[in-house]
Amino acid sequence: MRRLAGLLLVGLIAFGATGCTVPMNGITGVSVDQDGNLVIVLAWCGRQPDGVSVYHDKYPEDPTPETYDPDASGPANPPIDDASYLAPRVADETASFRLDAPGNGWRAEQQIPSFDPATT
């Protein structure tokens, strides 16, 4: 019985040590409204987001060679910022706004770029 209790305790400790993750507080996505405009949609729990950043990877596929050294080379496929938006105070835990014409208090931090439909 002691052996079984000891194994169970070791298993619980191992599971607890390896099962830790950063808590997910929300989700973000891109959708299309009834007129075909790109829309950012958000839902969260707790503290609302300060803003939203839209970016894409520099290369469509990961070009990382087997000999890649991130300490010497920097990121293999760096993100390219497309747009950043500042959030207003929101009473609910959901929000949405058009990418090209933010409303409902959302503000673009810089000029909104035109997006290339071929870039995903």
C-alpha atoms as a PDB file:
ATOM      1  CA  MET A   1       0.000   0.000   0.000  1.00  0.00           C
ATOM      2  CA  ARG A   2       2.830   2.418   0.821  1.00  0.00           C
ATOM      3  CA  ARG A   3       4.498   1.616  -2.485  1.00  0.00           C
ATOM      4  CA  LEU A   4       1.278   2.398  -4.400  1.00  0.00           C
ATOM      5  CA  ALA A   5       0.851   5.666  -2.464  1.00  0.00           C
ATOM      6  CA  GLY A   6       4.470   6.594  -3.213  1.00  0.00           C
ATOM      7  CA  LEU A   7       4.049   5.893  -6.938  1.00  0.00           C
ATOM      8  CA  LEU A   8       0.848   7.897  -6.997  1.00  0.00           C
ATOM      9  CA  LEU A   9       2.557  10.832  -5.266  1.00  0.00           C
ATOM     10  CA  VAL A  10       5.499  10.734  -7.721  1.00  0.00           C
ATOM     11  CA  GLY A  11       3.036  10.604 -10.630  1.00  0.00           C
ATOM     12  CA  LEU A  12       1.081  13.588  -9.335  1.00  0.00           C
ATOM     13  CA  ILE A  13       4.262  15.611  -8.811  1.00  0.00           C
ATOM     14  CA  ALA A  14       5.501  14.752 -12.316  1.00  0.00           C
ATOM     15  CA  PHE A  15       2.123  15.615 -13.854  1.00  0.00           C
ATOM     16  CA  GLY A  16       1.961  18.882 -11.936  1.00  0.00           C
ATOM     17  CA  ALA A  17       5.472  19.894 -12.976  1.00  0.00           C
ATOM     18  CA  THR A  18       4.918  19.171 -16.662  1.00  0.00           C
ATOM     19  CA  GLY A  19       1.295  20.297 -16.946  1.00  0.00           C
ATOM     20  CA  CYS A  20       1.913  24.005 -16.374  1.00  0.00           C
ATOM     21  CA  THR A  21       0.949  26.443 -19.126  1.00  0.00           C
ATOM     22  CA  VAL A  22       0.310  30.130 -19.403  1.00  0.00           C
ATOM     23  CA  PRO A  23      -3.409  30.715 -18.848  1.00  0.00           C
ATOM     24  CA  MET A  24      -5.353  31.714 -21.963  1.00  0.00           C
ATOM     25  CA  ASN A  25      -7.407  34.811 -21.249  1.00  0.00           C
ATOM     26  CA  GLY A  26      -8.855  35.416 -24.683  1.00  0.00           C
ATOM     27  CA  ILE A  27      -9.018  34.692 -28.349  1.00  0.00           C
ATOM     28  CA  THR A  28      -8.610  36.882 -31.420  1.00  0.00           C
ATOM     29  CA  GLY A  29      -9.599  36.262 -35.009  1.00  0.00           C
ATOM     30  CA  VAL A  30     -10.220  37.830 -38.380  1.00  0.00           C
ATOM     31  CA  SER A  31     -13.620  37.622 -40.016  1.00  0.00           C
ATOM     32  CA  VAL A  32     -15.538  39.285 -42.836  1.00  0.00           C
ATOM     33  CA  ASP A  33     -18.653  41.412 -42.381  1.00  0.00           C
ATOM     34  CA  GLN A  34     -21.734  41.307 -44.646  1.00  0.00           C
ATOM     35  CA  ASP A  35     -20.097  43.836 -47.016  1.00  0.00           C
ATOM     36  CA  GLY A  36     -16.865  41.831 -47.379  1.00  0.00           C
ATOM     37  CA  ASN A  37     -14.736  44.037 -45.090  1.00  0.00           C
ATOM     38  CA  LEU A  38     -12.083  42.437 -42.884  1.00  0.00           C
ATOM     39  CA  VAL A  39     -13.076  42.593 -39.208  1.00  0.00           C
ATOM     40  CA  ILE A  40     -11.018  41.881 -36.082  1.00  0.00           C
ATOM     41  CA  VAL A  41     -13.049  39.970 -33.483  1.00  0.00           C
ATOM     42  CA  LEU A  42     -11.987  39.548 -29.854  1.00  0.00           C
ATOM     43  CA  ALA A  43     -13.278  37.783 -26.762  1.00  0.00           C
ATOM     44  CA  TRP A  44     -11.553  37.688 -23.369  1.00  0.00           C
ATOM     45  CA  CYS A  45     -11.998  36.999 -19.680  1.00  0.00           C
ATOM     46  CA  GLY A  46     -10.809  39.412 -17.011  1.00  0.00           C
ATOM     47  CA  ARG A  47      -8.632  42.355 -18.003  1.00  0.00           C
ATOM     48  CA  GLN A  48      -9.384  43.665 -21.483  1.00  0.00           C
ATOM     49  CA  PRO A  49      -6.618  43.952 -24.090  1.00  0.00           C
ATOM     50  CA  ASP A  50      -4.737  47.249 -24.476  1.00  0.00           C
ATOM     51  CA  GLY A  51      -4.753  46.907 -28.227  1.00  0.00           C
ATOM     52  CA  VAL A  52      -4.363  44.648 -31.238  1.00  0.00           C
ATOM     53  CA  SER A  53      -1.398  44.080 -33.547  1.00  0.00           C
ATOM     54  CA  VAL A  54      -1.780  42.586 -37.012  1.00  0.00           C
ATOM     55  CA  TYR A  55       1.299  41.017 -38.547  1.00  0.00           C
ATOM     56  CA  HIS A  56       2.447  38.368 -40.998  1.00  0.00           C
ATOM     57  CA  ASP A  57       5.592  36.281 -41.265  1.00  0.00           C
ATOM     58  CA  LYS A  58       8.243  37.558 -43.669  1.00  0.00           C
ATOM     59  CA  TYR A  59       8.356  34.243 -45.524  1.00  0.00           C
ATOM     60  CA  PRO A  60       5.274  32.181 -46.427  1.00  0.00           C
ATOM     61  CA  GLU A  61       6.993  29.037 -45.140  1.00  0.00           C
ATOM     62  CA  ASP A  62       9.521  28.573 -42.353  1.00  0.00           C
ATOM     63  CA  PRO A  63      12.957  28.789 -44.041  1.00  0.00           C
ATOM     64  CA  THR A  64      14.841  27.591 -40.961  1.00  0.00           C
ATOM     65  CA  PRO A  65      17.864  25.503 -41.981  1.00  0.00           C
ATOM     66  CA  GLU A  66      19.010  22.679 -39.713  1.00  0.00           C
ATOM     67  CA  THR A  67      22.093  24.708 -38.767  1.00  0.00           C
ATOM     68  CA  TYR A  68      20.086  27.808 -37.720  1.00  0.00           C
ATOM     69  CA  ASP A  69      21.431  29.500 -34.577  1.00  0.00           C
ATOM     70  CA  PRO A  70      18.908  32.027 -33.176  1.00  0.00           C
ATOM     71  CA  ASP A  71      21.521  33.579 -30.880  1.00  0.00           C
ATOM     72  CA  ALA A  72      23.772  34.417 -33.808  1.00  0.00           C
ATOM     73  CA  SER A  73      21.228  35.065 -36.548  1.00  0.00           C
ATOM     74  CA  GLY A  74      18.061  36.522 -35.027  1.00  0.00           C
ATOM     75  CA  PRO A  75      14.652  35.115 -35.919  1.00  0.00           C
ATOM     76  CA  ALA A  76      14.557  32.865 -38.985  1.00  0.00           C
ATOM     77  CA  ASN A  77      11.144  34.115 -40.070  1.00  0.00           C
ATOM     78  CA  PRO A  78      10.635  37.516 -38.438  1.00  0.00           C
ATOM     79  CA  PRO A  79       7.132  38.955 -38.101  1.00  0.00           C
ATOM     80  CA  ILE A  80       6.275  42.005 -40.206  1.00  0.00           C
ATOM     81  CA  ASP A  81       3.920  44.464 -38.474  1.00  0.00           C
ATOM     82  CA  ASP A  82       0.989  45.465 -40.679  1.00  0.00           C
ATOM     83  CA  ALA A  83      -1.150  47.512 -38.298  1.00  0.00           C
ATOM     84  CA  SER A  84      -1.595  48.293 -34.598  1.00  0.00           C
ATOM     85  CA  TYR A  85      -4.758  49.493 -32.896  1.00  0.00           C
ATOM     86  CA  LEU A  86      -5.348  51.045 -29.459  1.00  0.00           C
ATOM     87  CA  ALA A  87      -8.368  49.774 -27.536  1.00  0.00           C
ATOM     88  CA  PRO A  88     -11.045  51.918 -25.925  1.00  0.00           C
ATOM     89  CA  ARG A  89     -12.581  51.010 -22.569  1.00  0.00           C
ATOM     90  CA  VAL A  90     -15.037  48.211 -23.237  1.00  0.00           C
ATOM     91  CA  ALA A  91     -17.791  47.205 -20.800  1.00  0.00           C
ATOM     92  CA  ASP A  92     -18.287  43.719 -22.285  1.00  0.00           C
ATOM     93  CA  GLU A  93     -15.806  40.913 -22.807  1.00  0.00           C
ATOM     94  CA  THR A  94     -16.133  40.989 -26.600  1.00  0.00           C
ATOM     95  CA  ALA A  95     -15.321  43.557 -29.267  1.00  0.00           C
ATOM     96  CA  SER A  96     -14.949  43.869 -33.019  1.00  0.00           C
ATOM     97  CA  PHE A  97     -13.864  46.537 -35.488  1.00  0.00           C
ATOM     98  CA  ARG A  98     -13.124  46.902 -39.187  1.00  0.00           C
ATOM     99  CA  LEU A  99      -9.471  46.556 -40.095  1.00  0.00           C
ATOM    100  CA  ASP A 100      -9.523  49.386 -42.657  1.00  0.00           C
ATOM    101  CA  ALA A 101     -11.870  51.741 -40.782  1.00  0.00           C
ATOM    102  CA  PRO A 102     -11.772  51.083 -37.037  1.00  0.00           C
ATOM    103  CA  GLY A 103     -14.743  52.385 -35.096  1.00  0.00           C
ATOM    104  CA  ASN A 104     -16.345  51.955 -31.678  1.00  0.00           C
ATOM    105  CA  GLY A 105     -13.425  53.849 -30.107  1.00  0.00           C
ATOM    106  CA  TRP A 106     -10.647  51.712 -31.632  1.00  0.00           C
ATOM    107  CA  ARG A 107      -7.809  53.845 -33.079  1.00  0.00           C
ATOM    108  CA  ALA A 108      -5.050  52.935 -35.513  1.00  0.00           C
ATOM    109  CA  GLU A 109      -1.595  53.863 -34.193  1.00  0.00           C
ATOM    110  CA  GLN A 110      -0.288  54.570 -37.696  1.00  0.00           C
ATOM    111  CA  GLN A 111      -1.602  54.838 -41.229  1.00  0.00           C
ATOM    112  CA  ILE A 112      -3.558  51.708 -42.067  1.00  0.00           C
ATOM    113  CA  PRO A 113      -1.844  49.878 -44.933  1.00  0.00           C
ATOM    114  CA  SER A 114      -3.624  48.400 -47.893  1.00  0.00           C
ATOM    115  CA  PHE A 115      -3.600  44.652 -47.502  1.00  0.00           C
ATOM    116  CA  ASP A 116      -2.542  42.306 -50.293  1.00  0.00           C
ATOM    117  CA  PRO A 117      -5.156  39.539 -50.741  1.00  0.00           C
ATOM    118  CA  ALA A 118      -2.336  37.164 -51.721  1.00  0.00           C
ATOM    119  CA  THR A 119      -0.650  37.536 -48.303  1.00  0.00           C
ATOM    120  CA  THR A 120      -1.989  35.157 -45.657  1.00  0.00           C
END
